[in-house]
Amino acid sequence: MALRAAQEAGDSATELQNVPKGILQISALMSFGRLHLAPMIPAFLKQYPRIELHLTMSDRVAEIIAEGVDVAVARERKH
């Protein structure tokens, strides 16, 4: 019985480690963020409640490294 309880405790700890958690910094162009990302945020946060989402929307392309951005959505520049 003690062995099974220890195994279950270990399984629960492993499960907690597999749950996504932490801060997710996203940068997107204003139009894309408003049309595509913003509507999905409530469902995303409901599915991943341990994620703290920081969404920055702007008409400029983010400086990914300098701003600590995890995901950036931008458009290709036309030449």
PDB file of N, CA and C in Angstrom:
ATOM      1  N   MET A   1       0.819  -1.187   0.000  1.00  0.00           N
ATOM      2  CA  MET A   1       0.000   0.000   0.000  1.00  0.00           C
ATOM      3  C   MET A   1       0.871   1.262   0.000  1.00  0.00           C
ATOM      4  N   ALA A   2       1.907   1.292   0.792  1.00  0.00           N
ATOM      5  CA  ALA A   2       2.803   2.457   0.831  1.00  0.00           C
ATOM      6  C   ALA A   2       3.506   2.615  -0.507  1.00  0.00           C
ATOM      7  N   LEU A   3       3.860   1.486  -1.132  1.00  0.00           N
ATOM      8  CA  LEU A   3       4.526   1.538  -2.425  1.00  0.00           C
ATOM      9  C   LEU A   3       3.605   2.154  -3.487  1.00  0.00           C
ATOM     10  N   ARG A   4       2.333   1.772  -3.459  1.00  0.00           N
ATOM     11  CA  ARG A   4       1.380   2.320  -4.414  1.00  0.00           C
ATOM     12  C   ARG A   4       1.173   3.824  -4.161  1.00  0.00           C
ATOM     13  N   ALA A   5       1.100   4.238  -2.921  1.00  0.00           N
ATOM     14  CA  ALA A   5       0.937   5.658  -2.595  1.00  0.00           C
ATOM     15  C   ALA A   5       2.141   6.458  -3.074  1.00  0.00           C
ATOM     16  N   ALA A   6       3.333   5.890  -2.910  1.00  0.00           N
ATOM     17  CA  ALA A   6       4.543   6.568  -3.376  1.00  0.00           C
ATOM     18  C   ALA A   6       4.536   6.683  -4.896  1.00  0.00           C
ATOM     19  N   GLN A   7       4.109   5.628  -5.576  1.00  0.00           N
ATOM     20  CA  GLN A   7       4.033   5.643  -7.035  1.00  0.00           C
ATOM     21  C   GLN A   7       3.024   6.693  -7.514  1.00  0.00           C
ATOM     22  N   GLU A   8       1.869   6.754  -6.867  1.00  0.00           N
ATOM     23  CA  GLU A   8       0.849   7.741  -7.235  1.00  0.00           C
ATOM     24  C   GLU A   8       1.350   9.168  -7.001  1.00  0.00           C
ATOM     25  N   ALA A   9       2.071   9.368  -5.900  1.00  0.00           N
ATOM     26  CA  ALA A   9       2.631  10.693  -5.625  1.00  0.00           C
ATOM     27  C   ALA A   9       3.648  11.062  -6.695  1.00  0.00           C
ATOM     28  N   GLY A  10       4.467  10.104  -7.093  1.00  0.00           N
ATOM     29  CA  GLY A  10       5.443  10.343  -8.157  1.00  0.00           C
ATOM     30  C   GLY A  10       4.766  10.645  -9.479  1.00  0.00           C
ATOM     31  N   ASP A  11       3.690   9.921  -9.783  1.00  0.00           N
ATOM     32  CA  ASP A  11       2.937  10.164 -11.014  1.00  0.00           C
ATOM     33  C   ASP A  11       2.322  11.561 -11.010  1.00  0.00           C
ATOM     34  N   SER A  12       1.789  11.978  -9.872  1.00  0.00           N
ATOM     35  CA  SER A  12       1.191  13.318  -9.764  1.00  0.00           C
ATOM     36  C   SER A  12       2.241  14.397  -9.947  1.00  0.00           C
ATOM     37  N   ALA A  13       3.415  14.209  -9.379  1.00  0.00           N
ATOM     38  CA  ALA A  13       4.492  15.191  -9.520  1.00  0.00           C
ATOM     39  C   ALA A  13       4.938  15.283 -10.977  1.00  0.00           C
ATOM     40  N   THR A  14       5.040  14.146 -11.651  1.00  0.00           N
ATOM     41  CA  THR A  14       5.422  14.136 -13.069  1.00  0.00           C
ATOM     42  C   THR A  14       4.376  14.856 -13.901  1.00  0.00           C
ATOM     43  N   GLU A  15       3.105  14.615 -13.587  1.00  0.00           N
ATOM     44  CA  GLU A  15       2.014  15.268 -14.310  1.00  0.00           C
ATOM     45  C   GLU A  15       2.093  16.790 -14.164  1.00  0.00           C
ATOM     46  N   LEU A  16       2.385  17.269 -12.949  1.00  0.00           N
ATOM     47  CA  LEU A  16       2.499  18.709 -12.717  1.00  0.00           C
ATOM     48  C   LEU A  16       3.655  19.314 -13.498  1.00  0.00           C
ATOM     49  N   GLN A  17       4.725  18.570 -13.673  1.00  0.00           N
ATOM     50  CA  GLN A  17       5.873  19.073 -14.416  1.00  0.00           C
ATOM     51  C   GLN A  17       5.570  19.186 -15.898  1.00  0.00           C
ATOM     52  N   ASN A  18       4.620  18.413 -16.391  1.00  0.00           N
ATOM     53  CA  ASN A  18       4.267  18.433 -17.810  1.00  0.00           C
ATOM     54  C   ASN A  18       3.232  19.497 -18.151  1.00  0.00           C
ATOM     55  N   VAL A  19       2.729  20.207 -17.149  1.00  0.00           N
ATOM     56  CA  VAL A  19       1.732  21.250 -17.378  1.00  0.00           C
ATOM     57  C   VAL A  19       2.451  22.531 -17.788  1.00  0.00           C
ATOM     58  N   PRO A  20       2.094  23.106 -18.945  1.00  0.00           N
ATOM     59  CA  PRO A  20       2.739  24.365 -19.357  1.00  0.00           C
ATOM     60  C   PRO A  20       2.472  25.467 -18.338  1.00  0.00           C
ATOM     61  N   LYS A  21       3.534  26.199 -17.982  1.00  0.00           N
ATOM     62  CA  LYS A  21       3.380  27.288 -17.019  1.00  0.00           C
ATOM     63  C   LYS A  21       4.465  28.317 -17.271  1.00  0.00           C
ATOM     64  N   GLY A  22       4.216  29.526 -16.815  1.00  0.00           N
ATOM     65  CA  GLY A  22       5.194  30.590 -16.968  1.00  0.00           C
ATOM     66  C   GLY A  22       4.660  31.712 -17.833  1.00  0.00           C
ATOM     67  N   ILE A  23       5.556  32.604 -18.190  1.00  0.00           N
ATOM     68  CA  ILE A  23       5.195  33.778 -18.985  1.00  0.00           C
ATOM     69  C   ILE A  23       5.460  33.501 -20.461  1.00  0.00           C
ATOM     70  N   LEU A  24       4.499  33.840 -21.289  1.00  0.00           N
ATOM     71  CA  LEU A  24       4.637  33.738 -22.742  1.00  0.00           C
ATOM     72  C   LEU A  24       4.485  35.137 -23.312  1.00  0.00           C
ATOM     73  N   GLN A  25       5.572  35.661 -23.860  1.00  0.00           N
ATOM     74  CA  GLN A  25       5.604  37.017 -24.420  1.00  0.00           C
ATOM     75  C   GLN A  25       5.408  36.927 -25.930  1.00  0.00           C
ATOM     76  N   ILE A  26       4.299  37.489 -26.418  1.00  0.00           N
ATOM     77  CA  ILE A  26       3.980  37.462 -27.844  1.00  0.00           C
ATOM     78  C   ILE A  26       3.935  38.895 -28.370  1.00  0.00           C
ATOM     79  N   SER A  27       4.518  39.095 -29.530  1.00  0.00           N
ATOM     80  CA  SER A  27       4.457  40.388 -30.210  1.00  0.00           C
ATOM     81  C   SER A  27       3.823  40.158 -31.577  1.00  0.00           C
ATOM     82  N   ALA A  28       2.851  40.998 -31.914  1.00  0.00           N
ATOM     83  CA  ALA A  28       2.161  40.844 -33.199  1.00  0.00           C
ATOM     84  C   ALA A  28       1.836  42.213 -33.778  1.00  0.00           C
ATOM     85  N   LEU A  29       1.702  42.238 -35.070  1.00  0.00           N
ATOM     86  CA  LEU A  29       1.232  43.452 -35.714  1.00  0.00           C
ATOM     87  C   LEU A  29      -0.202  43.721 -35.240  1.00  0.00           C
ATOM     88  N   MET A  30      -0.533  44.977 -35.095  1.00  0.00           N
ATOM     89  CA  MET A  30      -1.824  45.378 -34.536  1.00  0.00           C
ATOM     90  C   MET A  30      -2.998  44.704 -35.250  1.00  0.00           C
ATOM     91  N   SER A  31      -3.044  44.768 -36.566  1.00  0.00           N
ATOM     92  CA  SER A  31      -4.185  44.218 -37.296  1.00  0.00           C
ATOM     93  C   SER A  31      -4.292  42.703 -37.107  1.00  0.00           C
ATOM     94  N   PHE A  32      -3.171  41.996 -37.165  1.00  0.00           N
ATOM     95  CA  PHE A  32      -3.197  40.542 -36.991  1.00  0.00           C
ATOM     96  C   PHE A  32      -3.607  40.191 -35.565  1.00  0.00           C
ATOM     97  N   GLY A  33      -3.048  40.895 -34.601  1.00  0.00           N
ATOM     98  CA  GLY A  33      -3.372  40.620 -33.206  1.00  0.00           C
ATOM     99  C   GLY A  33      -4.845  40.812 -32.907  1.00  0.00           C
ATOM    100  N   ARG A  34      -5.396  41.912 -33.396  1.00  0.00           N
ATOM    101  CA  ARG A  34      -6.815  42.198 -33.140  1.00  0.00           C
ATOM    102  C   ARG A  34      -7.733  41.202 -33.838  1.00  0.00           C
ATOM    103  N   LEU A  35      -7.398  40.847 -35.077  1.00  0.00           N
ATOM    104  CA  LEU A  35      -8.278  39.963 -35.848  1.00  0.00           C
ATOM    105  C   LEU A  35      -8.131  38.487 -35.501  1.00  0.00           C
ATOM    106  N   HIS A  36      -6.909  38.050 -35.211  1.00  0.00           N
ATOM    107  CA  HIS A  36      -6.662  36.613 -35.077  1.00  0.00           C
ATOM    108  C   HIS A  36      -6.273  36.160 -33.677  1.00  0.00           C
ATOM    109  N   LEU A  37      -5.422  36.903 -33.003  1.00  0.00           N
ATOM    110  CA  LEU A  37      -4.952  36.457 -31.689  1.00  0.00           C
ATOM    111  C   LEU A  37      -5.920  36.788 -30.555  1.00  0.00           C
ATOM    112  N   ALA A  38      -6.361  38.034 -30.496  1.00  0.00           N
ATOM    113  CA  ALA A  38      -7.224  38.464 -29.390  1.00  0.00           C
ATOM    114  C   ALA A  38      -8.458  37.572 -29.208  1.00  0.00           C
ATOM    115  N   PRO A  39      -9.139  37.166 -30.276  1.00  0.00           N
ATOM    116  CA  PRO A  39     -10.314  36.305 -30.079  1.00  0.00           C
ATOM    117  C   PRO A  39      -9.980  34.926 -29.488  1.00  0.00           C
ATOM    118  N   MET A  40      -8.745  34.471 -29.649  1.00  0.00           N
ATOM    119  CA  MET A  40      -8.365  33.139 -29.167  1.00  0.00           C
ATOM    120  C   MET A  40      -7.844  33.147 -27.729  1.00  0.00           C
ATOM    121  N   ILE A  41      -7.538  34.318 -27.192  1.00  0.00           N
ATOM    122  CA  ILE A  41      -6.902  34.392 -25.875  1.00  0.00           C
ATOM    123  C   ILE A  41      -7.745  33.773 -24.758  1.00  0.00           C
ATOM    124  N   PRO A  42      -9.035  34.066 -24.642  1.00  0.00           N
ATOM    125  CA  PRO A  42      -9.797  33.464 -23.540  1.00  0.00           C
ATOM    126  C   PRO A  42      -9.756  31.933 -23.533  1.00  0.00           C
ATOM    127  N   ALA A  43      -9.922  31.307 -24.692  1.00  0.00           N
ATOM    128  CA  ALA A  43      -9.884  29.841 -24.760  1.00  0.00           C
ATOM    129  C   ALA A  43      -8.491  29.312 -24.425  1.00  0.00           C
ATOM    130  N   PHE A  44      -7.455  30.003 -24.912  1.00  0.00           N
ATOM    131  CA  PHE A  44      -6.082  29.592 -24.620  1.00  0.00           C
ATOM    132  C   PHE A  44      -5.813  29.629 -23.120  1.00  0.00           C
ATOM    133  N   LEU A  45      -6.199  30.729 -22.475  1.00  0.00           N
ATOM    134  CA  LEU A  45      -5.957  30.867 -21.037  1.00  0.00           C
ATOM    135  C   LEU A  45      -6.799  29.897 -20.221  1.00  0.00           C
ATOM    136  N   LYS A  46      -7.963  29.549 -20.721  1.00  0.00           N
ATOM    137  CA  LYS A  46      -8.791  28.542 -20.035  1.00  0.00           C
ATOM    138  C   LYS A  46      -8.125  27.168 -20.120  1.00  0.00           C
ATOM    139  N   GLN A  47      -7.551  26.864 -21.277  1.00  0.00           N
ATOM    140  CA  GLN A  47      -6.894  25.570 -21.463  1.00  0.00           C
ATOM    141  C   GLN A  47      -5.554  25.514 -20.732  1.00  0.00           C
ATOM    142  N   TYR A  48      -4.860  26.648 -20.633  1.00  0.00           N
ATOM    143  CA  TYR A  48      -3.545  26.704 -19.995  1.00  0.00           C
ATOM    144  C   TYR A  48      -3.546  27.775 -18.903  1.00  0.00           C
ATOM    145  N   PRO A  49      -4.221  27.519 -17.796  1.00  0.00           N
ATOM    146  CA  PRO A  49      -4.379  28.547 -16.764  1.00  0.00           C
ATOM    147  C   PRO A  49      -3.084  28.949 -16.063  1.00  0.00           C
ATOM    148  N   ARG A  50      -2.039  28.166 -16.193  1.00  0.00           N
ATOM    149  CA  ARG A  50      -0.775  28.496 -15.527  1.00  0.00           C
ATOM    150  C   ARG A  50       0.157  29.313 -16.421  1.00  0.00           C
ATOM    151  N   ILE A  51      -0.327  29.662 -17.623  1.00  0.00           N
ATOM    152  CA  ILE A  51       0.434  30.531 -18.524  1.00  0.00           C
ATOM    153  C   ILE A  51       0.016  31.978 -18.266  1.00  0.00           C
ATOM    154  N   GLU A  52       0.993  32.831 -18.108  1.00  0.00           N
ATOM    155  CA  GLU A  52       0.740  34.272 -18.008  1.00  0.00           C
ATOM    156  C   GLU A  52       1.097  34.861 -19.368  1.00  0.00           C
ATOM    157  N   LEU A  53       0.089  35.308 -20.082  1.00  0.00           N
ATOM    158  CA  LEU A  53       0.267  35.772 -21.453  1.00  0.00           C
ATOM    159  C   LEU A  53       0.477  37.278 -21.490  1.00  0.00           C
ATOM    160  N   HIS A  54       1.568  37.691 -22.131  1.00  0.00           N
ATOM    161  CA  HIS A  54       1.841  39.111 -22.365  1.00  0.00           C
ATOM    162  C   HIS A  54       1.805  39.330 -23.872  1.00  0.00           C
ATOM    163  N   LEU A  55       0.785  40.011 -24.344  1.00  0.00           N
ATOM    164  CA  LEU A  55       0.617  40.258 -25.772  1.00  0.00           C
ATOM    165  C   LEU A  55       0.860  41.728 -26.051  1.00  0.00           C
ATOM    166  N   THR A  56       1.825  42.001 -26.915  1.00  0.00           N
ATOM    167  CA  THR A  56       2.113  43.357 -27.347  1.00  0.00           C
ATOM    168  C   THR A  56       1.715  43.480 -28.807  1.00  0.00           C
ATOM    169  N   MET A  57       0.830  44.434 -29.095  1.00  0.00           N
ATOM    170  CA  MET A  57       0.417  44.655 -30.475  1.00  0.00           C
ATOM    171  C   MET A  57       0.880  46.049 -30.889  1.00  0.00           C
ATOM    172  N   SER A  58       1.528  46.104 -32.049  1.00  0.00           N
ATOM    173  CA  SER A  58       2.079  47.361 -32.534  1.00  0.00           C
ATOM    174  C   SER A  58       2.195  47.293 -34.045  1.00  0.00           C
ATOM    175  N   ASP A  59       2.347  48.442 -34.664  1.00  0.00           N
ATOM    176  CA  ASP A  59       2.544  48.470 -36.112  1.00  0.00           C
ATOM    177  C   ASP A  59       4.024  48.398 -36.484  1.00  0.00           C
ATOM    178  N   ARG A  60       4.871  48.206 -35.502  1.00  0.00           N
ATOM    179  CA  ARG A  60       6.300  48.046 -35.779  1.00  0.00           C
ATOM    180  C   ARG A  60       6.713  46.605 -35.477  1.00  0.00           C
ATOM    181  N   VAL A  61       7.769  46.165 -36.122  1.00  0.00           N
ATOM    182  CA  VAL A  61       8.281  44.820 -35.887  1.00  0.00           C
ATOM    183  C   VAL A  61       9.108  44.836 -34.605  1.00  0.00           C
ATOM    184  N   ALA A  62       8.876  43.882 -33.739  1.00  0.00           N
ATOM    185  CA  ALA A  62       9.547  43.821 -32.441  1.00  0.00           C
ATOM    186  C   ALA A  62      11.022  43.483 -32.579  1.00  0.00           C
ATOM    187  N   GLU A  63      11.799  43.982 -31.646  1.00  0.00           N
ATOM    188  CA  GLU A  63      13.196  43.580 -31.485  1.00  0.00           C
ATOM    189  C   GLU A  63      13.163  42.356 -30.575  1.00  0.00           C
ATOM    190  N   ILE A  64      13.098  41.189 -31.180  1.00  0.00           N
ATOM    191  CA  ILE A  64      12.801  39.950 -30.468  1.00  0.00           C
ATOM    192  C   ILE A  64      13.717  39.717 -29.269  1.00  0.00           C
ATOM    193  N   ILE A  65      15.000  39.773 -29.458  1.00  0.00           N
ATOM    194  CA  ILE A  65      15.934  39.486 -28.367  1.00  0.00           C
ATOM    195  C   ILE A  65      15.927  40.609 -27.343  1.00  0.00           C
ATOM    196  N   ALA A  66      16.019  41.846 -27.795  1.00  0.00           N
ATOM    197  CA  ALA A  66      16.081  42.989 -26.881  1.00  0.00           C
ATOM    198  C   ALA A  66      14.816  43.111 -26.020  1.00  0.00           C
ATOM    199  N   GLU A  67      13.678  42.731 -26.577  1.00  0.00           N
ATOM    200  CA  GLU A  67      12.411  42.866 -25.862  1.00  0.00           C
ATOM    201  C   GLU A  67      11.986  41.581 -25.157  1.00  0.00           C
ATOM    202  N   GLY A  68      12.778  40.527 -25.265  1.00  0.00           N
ATOM    203  CA  GLY A  68      12.455  39.274 -24.592  1.00  0.00           C
ATOM    204  C   GLY A  68      11.204  38.596 -25.124  1.00  0.00           C
ATOM    205  N   VAL A  69      10.979  38.707 -26.420  1.00  0.00           N
ATOM    206  CA  VAL A  69       9.789  38.140 -27.055  1.00  0.00           C
ATOM    207  C   VAL A  69      10.007  36.652 -27.332  1.00  0.00           C
ATOM    208  N   ASP A  70       9.008  35.844 -26.973  1.00  0.00           N
ATOM    209  CA  ASP A  70       9.065  34.405 -27.254  1.00  0.00           C
ATOM    210  C   ASP A  70       8.546  34.078 -28.649  1.00  0.00           C
ATOM    211  N   VAL A  71       7.466  34.765 -29.057  1.00  0.00           N
ATOM    212  CA  VAL A  71       6.839  34.533 -30.354  1.00  0.00           C
ATOM    213  C   VAL A  71       6.537  35.884 -30.975  1.00  0.00           C
ATOM    214  N   ALA A  72       6.922  36.055 -32.231  1.00  0.00           N
ATOM    215  CA  ALA A  72       6.618  37.292 -32.945  1.00  0.00           C
ATOM    216  C   ALA A  72       5.910  36.958 -34.250  1.00  0.00           C
ATOM    217  N   VAL A  73       4.877  37.732 -34.550  1.00  0.00           N
ATOM    218  CA  VAL A  73       4.144  37.562 -35.798  1.00  0.00           C
ATOM    219  C   VAL A  73       4.324  38.860 -36.578  1.00  0.00           C
ATOM    220  N   ALA A  74       4.910  38.738 -37.762  1.00  0.00           N
ATOM    221  CA  ALA A  74       5.162  39.919 -38.605  1.00  0.00           C
ATOM    222  C   ALA A  74       4.898  39.535 -40.048  1.00  0.00           C
ATOM    223  N   ARG A  75       4.867  40.502 -40.873  1.00  0.00           N
ATOM    224  CA  ARG A  75       4.656  40.215 -42.302  1.00  0.00           C
ATOM    225  C   ARG A  75       5.978  40.397 -43.047  1.00  0.00           C
ATOM    226  N   GLU A  76       6.044  39.747 -44.164  1.00  0.00           N
ATOM    227  CA  GLU A  76       7.226  39.861 -45.007  1.00  0.00           C
ATOM    228  C   GLU A  76       7.198  41.233 -45.694  1.00  0.00           C
ATOM    229  N   ARG A  77       8.322  41.876 -45.730  1.00  0.00           N
ATOM    230  CA  ARG A  77       8.390  43.158 -46.393  1.00  0.00           C
ATOM    231  C   ARG A  77       8.401  42.966 -47.902  1.00  0.00           C
ATOM    232  N   LYS A  78       7.640  43.786 -48.611  1.00  0.00           N
ATOM    233  CA  LYS A  78       7.629  43.736 -50.065  1.00  0.00           C
ATOM    234  C   LYS A  78       8.724  44.639 -50.580  1.00  0.00           C
ATOM    235  N   HIS A  79       9.453  44.166 -51.557  1.00  0.00           N
ATOM    236  CA  HIS A  79      10.570  44.948 -52.120  1.00  0.00           C
ATOM    237  C   HIS A  79      10.127  45.737 -53.302  1.00  0.00           C
TER     238      HIS A  79
END
